[in-house]
Amino acid sequence: MRVLVACEMSGIVREAFRQSGHDAWSCDILPSLLPGNHVQTDVMSLLGEPWDMLIAFPPCTHLAVSGARWFKDKVSEQRQAIKFFLVLANTPIPRICIENPVGIMSTHYRKPDQYIQPWQFGHGETKKTGLWLKGLDNLTPTDIVDGREQRVWRLPPSDDRAMLRSLTYQGIANAMADQWG
């Protein structure tokens, strides 16, 4: 299966699918942290290619409720973020997953099909994340663990804080590859 992992600079989901035997590619405007099949470009240029699955992680800066206090000052940026999300959601690819934290897309588009937490997939942290699905089943938890710490939310300010907050947990990536691949 040909899988496009959009807006992924980490390579974590791409590599989980590749290890499961799929022709998986990540795409981001940033270089990949992991070596492998990565196209450093705007994903819009790749959406017309024949993909079997799209897993997208659109930037949440202007969509997540965690940034709601700044929404009034970023109306144009938020409009662009909503438009980008909707382009991904309406791309003619048979199987689509769009991942984003709790945010405004529940009202501007529709509620996610599922919310997941890292602690359902082997990681002792909380980070409630929505999955908007097309042609895919909900992810089934694979390893429910204790702990449930807000590690991601508590990251101290740093130059790489946004990147660290956006990384996909390996257990979630593995579940996507195992269950959707």
N, C-alpha and C. Protein backbone atom coordinates (compact mmCIF):
# COMPACT_ATOMS: atom_id res chain seq x y z
N MET A 1 0.84 -1.17 0.00
CA MET A 1 0.00 0.00 0.00
C MET A 1 0.89 1.24 0.00
N ARG A 2 0.50 2.25 -0.77
CA ARG A 2 1.21 3.53 -0.80
C ARG A 2 0.60 4.47 0.23
N VAL A 3 1.42 4.89 1.19
CA VAL A 3 0.96 5.71 2.31
C VAL A 3 1.71 7.04 2.31
N LEU A 4 0.94 8.13 2.35
CA LEU A 4 1.52 9.47 2.49
C LEU A 4 1.25 9.94 3.90
N VAL A 5 2.31 10.29 4.61
CA VAL A 5 2.19 10.82 5.97
C VAL A 5 2.53 12.31 5.87
N ALA A 6 1.49 13.12 5.89
CA ALA A 6 1.63 14.56 5.64
C ALA A 6 1.91 15.33 6.92
N CYS A 7 2.74 16.34 6.78
CA CYS A 7 3.09 17.23 7.89
C CYS A 7 3.78 16.45 9.00
N GLU A 8 4.64 15.52 8.61
CA GLU A 8 5.39 14.72 9.58
C GLU A 8 6.87 14.88 9.33
N MET A 9 7.53 15.63 10.21
CA MET A 9 8.98 15.78 10.09
C MET A 9 9.73 14.76 10.93
N SER A 10 9.02 14.07 11.82
CA SER A 10 9.71 13.11 12.68
C SER A 10 10.05 11.81 11.97
N GLY A 11 9.18 11.37 11.06
CA GLY A 11 9.39 10.09 10.38
C GLY A 11 8.90 8.90 11.18
N ILE A 12 8.30 9.11 12.34
CA ILE A 12 7.90 8.02 13.22
C ILE A 12 6.79 7.17 12.60
N VAL A 13 5.73 7.82 12.12
CA VAL A 13 4.61 7.07 11.52
C VAL A 13 5.06 6.45 10.20
N ARG A 14 5.79 7.22 9.41
CA ARG A 14 6.30 6.69 8.13
C ARG A 14 7.08 5.40 8.35
N GLU A 15 7.98 5.40 9.31
CA GLU A 15 8.82 4.23 9.55
C GLU A 15 8.02 3.06 10.11
N ALA A 16 6.98 3.33 10.90
CA ALA A 16 6.13 2.23 11.39
C ALA A 16 5.46 1.53 10.21
N PHE A 17 4.98 2.29 9.23
CA PHE A 17 4.36 1.68 8.05
C PHE A 17 5.40 0.98 7.17
N ARG A 18 6.58 1.56 7.04
CA ARG A 18 7.63 0.92 6.24
C ARG A 18 8.05 -0.41 6.87
N GLN A 19 8.15 -0.44 8.19
CA GLN A 19 8.52 -1.68 8.87
C GLN A 19 7.43 -2.75 8.73
N SER A 20 6.22 -2.32 8.41
CA SER A 20 5.12 -3.26 8.15
C SER A 20 5.04 -3.64 6.68
N GLY A 21 6.00 -3.18 5.88
CA GLY A 21 6.08 -3.57 4.48
C GLY A 21 5.40 -2.66 3.48
N HIS A 22 5.03 -1.46 3.88
CA HIS A 22 4.33 -0.55 2.99
C HIS A 22 5.28 0.47 2.36
N ASP A 23 4.87 1.00 1.22
CA ASP A 23 5.61 2.06 0.53
C ASP A 23 5.15 3.38 1.14
N ALA A 24 5.75 3.74 2.26
CA ALA A 24 5.33 4.92 3.01
C ALA A 24 6.31 6.07 2.82
N TRP A 25 5.73 7.26 2.70
CA TRP A 25 6.50 8.48 2.50
C TRP A 25 6.00 9.55 3.46
N SER A 26 6.93 10.27 4.06
CA SER A 26 6.54 11.43 4.86
C SER A 26 6.81 12.68 4.03
N CYS A 27 6.10 13.73 4.38
CA CYS A 27 6.23 15.00 3.67
C CYS A 27 6.07 16.12 4.69
N ASP A 28 6.97 17.07 4.63
CA ASP A 28 6.89 18.24 5.51
C ASP A 28 7.73 19.34 4.89
N ILE A 29 7.48 20.57 5.29
CA ILE A 29 8.33 21.66 4.81
C ILE A 29 9.68 21.66 5.53
N LEU A 30 9.78 20.87 6.59
CA LEU A 30 11.04 20.71 7.32
C LEU A 30 11.69 19.38 6.95
N PRO A 31 12.99 19.27 7.12
CA PRO A 31 13.65 17.98 6.87
C PRO A 31 13.22 16.95 7.92
N SER A 32 13.34 15.68 7.57
CA SER A 32 12.96 14.61 8.48
C SER A 32 14.02 14.39 9.55
N LEU A 33 13.56 14.10 10.76
CA LEU A 33 14.49 13.77 11.84
C LEU A 33 15.10 12.39 11.65
N LEU A 34 14.33 11.48 11.05
CA LEU A 34 14.81 10.13 10.78
C LEU A 34 15.10 9.99 9.28
N PRO A 35 16.19 9.33 8.93
CA PRO A 35 16.45 9.12 7.50
C PRO A 35 15.39 8.20 6.90
N GLY A 36 15.13 8.39 5.63
CA GLY A 36 14.16 7.53 4.96
C GLY A 36 13.43 8.28 3.86
N ASN A 37 12.32 7.71 3.43
CA ASN A 37 11.51 8.28 2.34
C ASN A 37 10.82 9.55 2.81
N HIS A 38 11.43 10.68 2.54
CA HIS A 38 10.88 11.96 2.98
C HIS A 38 11.00 12.97 1.85
N VAL A 39 9.90 13.68 1.61
CA VAL A 39 9.88 14.74 0.62
C VAL A 39 9.73 16.05 1.37
N GLN A 40 10.73 16.92 1.23
CA GLN A 40 10.68 18.20 1.92
C GLN A 40 10.04 19.22 0.97
N THR A 41 8.71 19.33 1.11
CA THR A 41 7.94 20.24 0.26
C THR A 41 6.57 20.45 0.90
N ASP A 42 5.80 21.33 0.31
CA ASP A 42 4.41 21.53 0.71
C ASP A 42 3.62 20.32 0.24
N VAL A 43 2.85 19.71 1.12
CA VAL A 43 2.12 18.48 0.80
C VAL A 43 1.12 18.68 -0.34
N MET A 44 0.68 19.90 -0.57
CA MET A 44 -0.30 20.16 -1.63
C MET A 44 0.19 19.66 -2.99
N SER A 45 1.49 19.69 -3.20
CA SER A 45 2.05 19.25 -4.48
C SER A 45 2.01 17.73 -4.65
N LEU A 46 1.75 16.99 -3.58
CA LEU A 46 1.74 15.52 -3.64
C LEU A 46 0.35 14.91 -3.58
N LEU A 47 -0.66 15.70 -3.27
CA LEU A 47 -2.00 15.15 -3.06
C LEU A 47 -2.63 14.57 -4.32
N GLY A 48 -2.18 14.98 -5.51
CA GLY A 48 -2.73 14.46 -6.75
C GLY A 48 -2.15 13.12 -7.17
N GLU A 49 -1.13 12.65 -6.48
CA GLU A 49 -0.52 11.35 -6.82
C GLU A 49 -1.41 10.21 -6.32
N PRO A 50 -1.21 9.01 -6.86
CA PRO A 50 -2.05 7.88 -6.45
C PRO A 50 -1.63 7.28 -5.09
N TRP A 51 -2.25 7.73 -4.03
CA TRP A 51 -2.00 7.22 -2.68
C TRP A 51 -3.17 6.34 -2.25
N ASP A 52 -2.88 5.31 -1.47
CA ASP A 52 -3.92 4.46 -0.90
C ASP A 52 -4.40 4.98 0.45
N MET A 53 -3.51 5.70 1.13
CA MET A 53 -3.84 6.21 2.46
C MET A 53 -3.11 7.51 2.70
N LEU A 54 -3.80 8.42 3.39
CA LEU A 54 -3.21 9.68 3.84
C LEU A 54 -3.37 9.73 5.35
N ILE A 55 -2.27 9.92 6.04
CA ILE A 55 -2.30 10.20 7.47
C ILE A 55 -1.70 11.58 7.62
N ALA A 56 -2.49 12.52 8.13
CA ALA A 56 -2.05 13.92 8.14
C ALA A 56 -2.04 14.48 9.56
N PHE A 57 -1.02 15.27 9.81
CA PHE A 57 -0.83 15.94 11.08
C PHE A 57 -0.75 17.45 10.84
N PRO A 58 -1.86 18.08 10.39
CA PRO A 58 -1.79 19.51 10.08
C PRO A 58 -1.40 20.31 11.32
N PRO A 59 -0.64 21.38 11.14
CA PRO A 59 -0.24 22.20 12.29
C PRO A 59 -1.46 22.64 13.10
N CYS A 60 -1.33 22.54 14.42
CA CYS A 60 -2.46 22.83 15.29
C CYS A 60 -2.38 24.20 15.96
N THR A 61 -1.33 24.95 15.67
CA THR A 61 -1.10 26.23 16.34
C THR A 61 -2.33 27.12 16.36
N HIS A 62 -3.05 27.18 15.25
CA HIS A 62 -4.20 28.07 15.15
C HIS A 62 -5.53 27.33 15.25
N LEU A 63 -5.47 26.03 15.63
CA LEU A 63 -6.68 25.21 15.71
C LEU A 63 -6.95 24.67 17.11
N ALA A 64 -5.92 24.43 17.89
CA ALA A 64 -6.07 23.77 19.20
C ALA A 64 -6.61 24.73 20.25
N VAL A 65 -7.47 24.22 21.12
CA VAL A 65 -8.03 25.06 22.17
C VAL A 65 -6.96 25.57 23.14
N SER A 66 -5.84 24.90 23.19
CA SER A 66 -4.76 25.35 24.08
C SER A 66 -4.26 26.74 23.68
N GLY A 67 -4.50 27.16 22.45
CA GLY A 67 -4.09 28.49 22.00
C GLY A 67 -5.24 29.46 21.84
N ALA A 68 -6.39 29.15 22.42
CA ALA A 68 -7.60 29.96 22.22
C ALA A 68 -7.43 31.41 22.65
N ARG A 69 -6.60 31.68 23.63
CA ARG A 69 -6.46 33.07 24.09
C ARG A 69 -5.85 33.97 23.03
N TRP A 70 -5.21 33.38 22.00
CA TRP A 70 -4.60 34.18 20.94
C TRP A 70 -5.44 34.21 19.66
N PHE A 71 -6.55 33.49 19.62
CA PHE A 71 -7.36 33.39 18.40
C PHE A 71 -7.79 34.76 17.88
N LYS A 72 -8.19 35.67 18.75
CA LYS A 72 -8.69 36.97 18.30
C LYS A 72 -7.64 37.78 17.55
N ASP A 73 -6.37 37.51 17.80
CA ASP A 73 -5.29 38.23 17.14
C ASP A 73 -4.79 37.52 15.88
N LYS A 74 -5.33 36.34 15.60
CA LYS A 74 -4.83 35.54 14.48
C LYS A 74 -5.97 35.04 13.60
N VAL A 75 -6.89 35.90 13.26
CA VAL A 75 -8.06 35.51 12.49
C VAL A 75 -7.67 34.99 11.11
N SER A 76 -6.78 35.69 10.43
CA SER A 76 -6.35 35.27 9.09
C SER A 76 -5.61 33.93 9.14
N GLU A 77 -4.71 33.79 10.10
CA GLU A 77 -3.95 32.55 10.24
C GLU A 77 -4.87 31.38 10.54
N GLN A 78 -5.88 31.63 11.36
CA GLN A 78 -6.82 30.56 11.70
C GLN A 78 -7.65 30.16 10.48
N ARG A 79 -8.08 31.14 9.69
CA ARG A 79 -8.82 30.83 8.46
C ARG A 79 -7.99 29.95 7.53
N GLN A 80 -6.71 30.28 7.39
CA GLN A 80 -5.81 29.49 6.54
C GLN A 80 -5.65 28.07 7.10
N ALA A 81 -5.53 27.95 8.41
CA ALA A 81 -5.37 26.63 9.03
C ALA A 81 -6.61 25.77 8.83
N ILE A 82 -7.79 26.37 8.95
CA ILE A 82 -9.04 25.64 8.73
C ILE A 82 -9.12 25.20 7.27
N LYS A 83 -8.79 26.08 6.36
CA LYS A 83 -8.83 25.76 4.93
C LYS A 83 -7.88 24.59 4.62
N PHE A 84 -6.68 24.61 5.17
CA PHE A 84 -5.69 23.55 4.94
C PHE A 84 -6.22 22.22 5.47
N PHE A 85 -6.77 22.22 6.67
CA PHE A 85 -7.34 21.01 7.26
C PHE A 85 -8.43 20.44 6.35
N LEU A 86 -9.31 21.30 5.85
CA LEU A 86 -10.42 20.86 5.01
C LEU A 86 -9.94 20.33 3.66
N VAL A 87 -8.89 20.91 3.10
CA VAL A 87 -8.32 20.38 1.86
C VAL A 87 -7.84 18.94 2.09
N LEU A 88 -7.14 18.73 3.19
CA LEU A 88 -6.67 17.37 3.52
C LEU A 88 -7.85 16.42 3.72
N ALA A 89 -8.87 16.86 4.43
CA ALA A 89 -10.03 16.01 4.72
C ALA A 89 -10.81 15.64 3.46
N ASN A 90 -10.80 16.51 2.48
CA ASN A 90 -11.59 16.29 1.27
C ASN A 90 -10.77 15.81 0.08
N THR A 91 -9.53 15.45 0.32
CA THR A 91 -8.68 14.91 -0.74
C THR A 91 -9.23 13.56 -1.19
N PRO A 92 -9.27 13.31 -2.51
CA PRO A 92 -9.83 12.03 -3.00
C PRO A 92 -8.87 10.84 -2.84
N ILE A 93 -8.55 10.53 -1.60
CA ILE A 93 -7.74 9.36 -1.25
C ILE A 93 -8.68 8.45 -0.46
N PRO A 94 -8.71 7.15 -0.75
CA PRO A 94 -9.73 6.28 -0.15
C PRO A 94 -9.69 6.15 1.38
N ARG A 95 -8.51 6.21 1.98
CA ARG A 95 -8.39 6.07 3.43
C ARG A 95 -7.62 7.28 3.97
N ILE A 96 -8.27 7.98 4.91
CA ILE A 96 -7.67 9.21 5.45
C ILE A 96 -7.80 9.21 6.97
N CYS A 97 -6.73 9.63 7.64
CA CYS A 97 -6.74 9.95 9.06
C CYS A 97 -6.13 11.33 9.21
N ILE A 98 -6.86 12.22 9.85
CA ILE A 98 -6.30 13.53 10.19
C ILE A 98 -6.26 13.60 11.71
N GLU A 99 -5.09 13.90 12.23
CA GLU A 99 -4.84 13.95 13.67
C GLU A 99 -4.71 15.40 14.10
N ASN A 100 -5.36 15.76 15.20
CA ASN A 100 -5.21 17.09 15.77
C ASN A 100 -5.69 17.05 17.22
N PRO A 101 -5.11 17.90 18.06
CA PRO A 101 -5.58 17.95 19.44
C PRO A 101 -7.00 18.52 19.51
N VAL A 102 -7.57 18.50 20.68
CA VAL A 102 -8.89 19.09 20.89
C VAL A 102 -8.84 20.52 20.40
N GLY A 103 -9.79 20.88 19.53
CA GLY A 103 -9.74 22.21 18.95
C GLY A 103 -11.02 22.61 18.25
N ILE A 104 -10.89 23.59 17.40
CA ILE A 104 -12.04 24.21 16.76
C ILE A 104 -12.59 23.43 15.58
N MET A 105 -11.88 22.43 15.09
CA MET A 105 -12.38 21.68 13.92
C MET A 105 -13.62 20.88 14.27
N SER A 106 -13.86 20.64 15.55
CA SER A 106 -15.09 19.95 15.96
C SER A 106 -16.32 20.78 15.61
N THR A 107 -16.18 22.09 15.56
CA THR A 107 -17.31 22.95 15.20
C THR A 107 -17.20 23.46 13.76
N HIS A 108 -16.00 23.65 13.25
CA HIS A 108 -15.84 24.16 11.88
C HIS A 108 -15.95 23.07 10.82
N TYR A 109 -15.80 21.83 11.21
CA TYR A 109 -15.89 20.70 10.27
C TYR A 109 -16.88 19.69 10.82
N ARG A 110 -16.42 18.84 11.71
CA ARG A 110 -17.27 17.89 12.42
C ARG A 110 -16.48 17.34 13.60
N LYS A 111 -17.15 16.68 14.48
CA LYS A 111 -16.46 16.08 15.63
C LYS A 111 -15.56 14.96 15.12
N PRO A 112 -14.43 14.72 15.78
CA PRO A 112 -13.58 13.60 15.36
C PRO A 112 -14.30 12.28 15.55
N ASP A 113 -13.89 11.29 14.79
CA ASP A 113 -14.46 9.95 14.94
C ASP A 113 -14.04 9.30 16.25
N GLN A 114 -12.89 9.75 16.75
CA GLN A 114 -12.33 9.10 17.93
C GLN A 114 -11.36 10.05 18.60
N TYR A 115 -11.31 9.97 19.93
CA TYR A 115 -10.23 10.60 20.69
C TYR A 115 -9.36 9.48 21.23
N ILE A 116 -8.05 9.68 21.16
CA ILE A 116 -7.11 8.71 21.71
C ILE A 116 -6.20 9.39 22.72
N GLN A 117 -5.55 8.58 23.53
CA GLN A 117 -4.59 9.05 24.53
C GLN A 117 -3.34 8.18 24.43
N PRO A 118 -2.16 8.75 24.66
CA PRO A 118 -0.93 7.94 24.65
C PRO A 118 -0.97 6.77 25.62
N TRP A 119 -1.62 6.94 26.78
CA TRP A 119 -1.67 5.86 27.78
C TRP A 119 -2.45 4.65 27.30
N GLN A 120 -3.18 4.77 26.19
CA GLN A 120 -3.89 3.62 25.62
C GLN A 120 -2.97 2.79 24.73
N PHE A 121 -1.77 3.32 24.47
CA PHE A 121 -0.86 2.68 23.52
C PHE A 121 0.55 2.51 24.09
N GLY A 122 0.63 2.33 25.41
CA GLY A 122 1.90 2.00 26.03
C GLY A 122 2.72 3.14 26.58
N HIS A 123 2.18 4.35 26.63
CA HIS A 123 2.92 5.52 27.12
C HIS A 123 2.16 6.11 28.30
N GLY A 124 2.85 6.44 29.37
CA GLY A 124 2.21 6.91 30.59
C GLY A 124 1.90 8.39 30.61
N GLU A 125 1.53 8.95 29.47
CA GLU A 125 1.21 10.37 29.41
C GLU A 125 -0.21 10.59 28.94
N THR A 126 -0.70 11.80 29.19
CA THR A 126 -1.99 12.22 28.65
C THR A 126 -1.75 13.24 27.54
N LYS A 127 -2.51 13.13 26.49
CA LYS A 127 -2.53 14.11 25.40
C LYS A 127 -3.73 13.74 24.53
N LYS A 128 -4.90 14.24 24.91
CA LYS A 128 -6.13 13.90 24.21
C LYS A 128 -6.05 14.42 22.77
N THR A 129 -6.19 13.49 21.84
CA THR A 129 -6.00 13.79 20.43
C THR A 129 -7.15 13.23 19.61
N GLY A 130 -7.68 14.05 18.72
CA GLY A 130 -8.78 13.63 17.86
C GLY A 130 -8.28 13.02 16.56
N LEU A 131 -9.01 12.03 16.08
CA LEU A 131 -8.75 11.42 14.78
C LEU A 131 -10.01 11.55 13.93
N TRP A 132 -9.89 12.22 12.80
CA TRP A 132 -10.97 12.31 11.82
C TRP A 132 -10.66 11.26 10.77
N LEU A 133 -11.56 10.30 10.59
CA LEU A 133 -11.28 9.12 9.77
C LEU A 133 -12.21 9.03 8.56
N LYS A 134 -11.64 8.52 7.48
CA LYS A 134 -12.42 8.20 6.27
C LYS A 134 -11.90 6.85 5.77
N GLY A 135 -12.78 5.86 5.69
CA GLY A 135 -12.39 4.54 5.20
C GLY A 135 -11.52 3.75 6.15
N LEU A 136 -11.44 4.18 7.40
CA LEU A 136 -10.61 3.51 8.41
C LEU A 136 -11.45 3.27 9.66
N ASP A 137 -11.15 2.18 10.36
CA ASP A 137 -11.80 1.90 11.63
C ASP A 137 -11.11 2.69 12.74
N ASN A 138 -11.82 2.88 13.84
CA ASN A 138 -11.20 3.49 15.02
C ASN A 138 -10.01 2.64 15.46
N LEU A 139 -9.01 3.27 16.00
CA LEU A 139 -7.87 2.53 16.56
C LEU A 139 -8.31 1.84 17.85
N THR A 140 -7.89 0.61 18.00
CA THR A 140 -8.16 -0.14 19.22
C THR A 140 -6.94 0.01 20.13
N PRO A 141 -7.14 0.39 21.40
CA PRO A 141 -6.01 0.48 22.33
C PRO A 141 -5.22 -0.83 22.36
N THR A 142 -3.91 -0.71 22.46
CA THR A 142 -3.03 -1.87 22.41
C THR A 142 -2.34 -2.18 23.74
N ASP A 143 -2.18 -1.17 24.60
CA ASP A 143 -1.43 -1.38 25.83
C ASP A 143 -1.78 -0.27 26.81
N ILE A 144 -2.85 -0.47 27.57
CA ILE A 144 -3.28 0.55 28.53
C ILE A 144 -2.35 0.50 29.74
N VAL A 145 -1.78 1.67 30.05
CA VAL A 145 -0.80 1.75 31.14
C VAL A 145 -1.22 2.79 32.17
N ASP A 146 -0.63 2.66 33.36
CA ASP A 146 -0.84 3.66 34.41
C ASP A 146 0.14 4.80 34.18
N GLY A 147 0.08 5.78 35.02
CA GLY A 147 0.99 6.91 34.93
C GLY A 147 0.20 8.17 34.63
N ARG A 148 -0.20 8.29 33.41
CA ARG A 148 -1.08 9.37 32.97
C ARG A 148 -0.63 10.74 33.42
N GLU A 149 0.59 11.07 33.09
CA GLU A 149 1.22 12.34 33.44
C GLU A 149 1.05 13.33 32.29
N GLN A 150 0.90 14.60 32.59
CA GLN A 150 0.79 15.63 31.55
C GLN A 150 2.18 16.13 31.14
N ARG A 151 3.04 15.23 30.74
CA ARG A 151 4.42 15.58 30.38
C ARG A 151 4.48 16.56 29.22
N VAL A 152 3.70 16.34 28.19
CA VAL A 152 3.75 17.18 27.00
C VAL A 152 3.33 18.61 27.33
N TRP A 153 2.26 18.74 28.08
CA TRP A 153 1.74 20.06 28.45
C TRP A 153 2.73 20.81 29.32
N ARG A 154 3.50 20.08 30.12
CA ARG A 154 4.42 20.70 31.08
C ARG A 154 5.82 20.95 30.53
N LEU A 155 6.04 20.73 29.27
CA LEU A 155 7.37 20.99 28.71
C LEU A 155 7.75 22.45 28.93
N PRO A 156 8.97 22.71 29.37
CA PRO A 156 9.38 24.10 29.60
C PRO A 156 9.58 24.83 28.26
N PRO A 157 9.53 26.15 28.30
CA PRO A 157 9.78 26.91 27.07
C PRO A 157 11.17 26.59 26.51
N SER A 158 11.22 26.42 25.19
CA SER A 158 12.49 26.18 24.51
C SER A 158 12.28 26.38 23.01
N ASP A 159 13.38 26.43 22.27
CA ASP A 159 13.29 26.60 20.82
C ASP A 159 12.63 25.41 20.15
N ASP A 160 12.75 24.22 20.74
CA ASP A 160 12.18 23.02 20.11
C ASP A 160 10.93 22.50 20.82
N ARG A 161 10.31 23.31 21.65
CA ARG A 161 9.12 22.89 22.40
C ARG A 161 7.98 22.48 21.46
N ALA A 162 7.69 23.27 20.44
CA ALA A 162 6.60 22.96 19.51
C ALA A 162 6.87 21.63 18.80
N MET A 163 8.10 21.42 18.39
CA MET A 163 8.46 20.17 17.72
C MET A 163 8.30 18.99 18.67
N LEU A 164 8.75 19.11 19.90
CA LEU A 164 8.64 18.03 20.87
C LEU A 164 7.18 17.72 21.19
N ARG A 165 6.34 18.75 21.25
CA ARG A 165 4.92 18.55 21.54
C ARG A 165 4.21 17.86 20.38
N SER A 166 4.75 18.00 19.17
CA SER A 166 4.08 17.45 17.99
C SER A 166 4.47 16.01 17.67
N LEU A 167 5.49 15.48 18.31
CA LEU A 167 5.95 14.13 17.99
C LEU A 167 4.88 13.08 18.29
N THR A 168 4.71 12.15 17.37
CA THR A 168 3.76 11.05 17.56
C THR A 168 4.41 9.98 18.44
N TYR A 169 3.66 9.49 19.39
CA TYR A 169 4.16 8.42 20.25
C TYR A 169 4.32 7.14 19.43
N GLN A 170 5.41 6.42 19.67
CA GLN A 170 5.71 5.21 18.92
C GLN A 170 4.58 4.19 19.01
N GLY A 171 3.98 4.03 20.17
CA GLY A 171 2.88 3.08 20.33
C GLY A 171 1.68 3.41 19.46
N ILE A 172 1.39 4.69 19.29
CA ILE A 172 0.29 5.10 18.42
C ILE A 172 0.66 4.84 16.96
N ALA A 173 1.89 5.17 16.58
CA ALA A 173 2.35 4.91 15.20
C ALA A 173 2.28 3.42 14.88
N ASN A 174 2.73 2.59 15.82
CA ASN A 174 2.69 1.14 15.61
C ASN A 174 1.25 0.64 15.47
N ALA A 175 0.34 1.18 16.29
CA ALA A 175 -1.05 0.77 16.20
C ALA A 175 -1.65 1.16 14.86
N MET A 176 -1.31 2.34 14.36
CA MET A 176 -1.80 2.76 13.03
C MET A 176 -1.32 1.78 11.95
N ALA A 177 -0.03 1.47 11.98
CA ALA A 177 0.53 0.58 10.97
C ALA A 177 -0.05 -0.83 11.09
N ASP A 178 -0.15 -1.34 12.31
CA ASP A 178 -0.67 -2.70 12.52
C ASP A 178 -2.15 -2.82 12.18
N GLN A 179 -2.94 -1.83 12.56
CA GLN A 179 -4.39 -1.94 12.42
C GLN A 179 -4.90 -1.41 11.07
N TRP A 180 -4.22 -0.45 10.49
CA TRP A 180 -4.68 0.11 9.21
C TRP A 180 -3.88 -0.40 8.02
N GLY A 181 -2.73 -1.00 8.30
CA GLY A 181 -1.88 -1.47 7.22
C GLY A 181 -2.26 -2.86 6.78
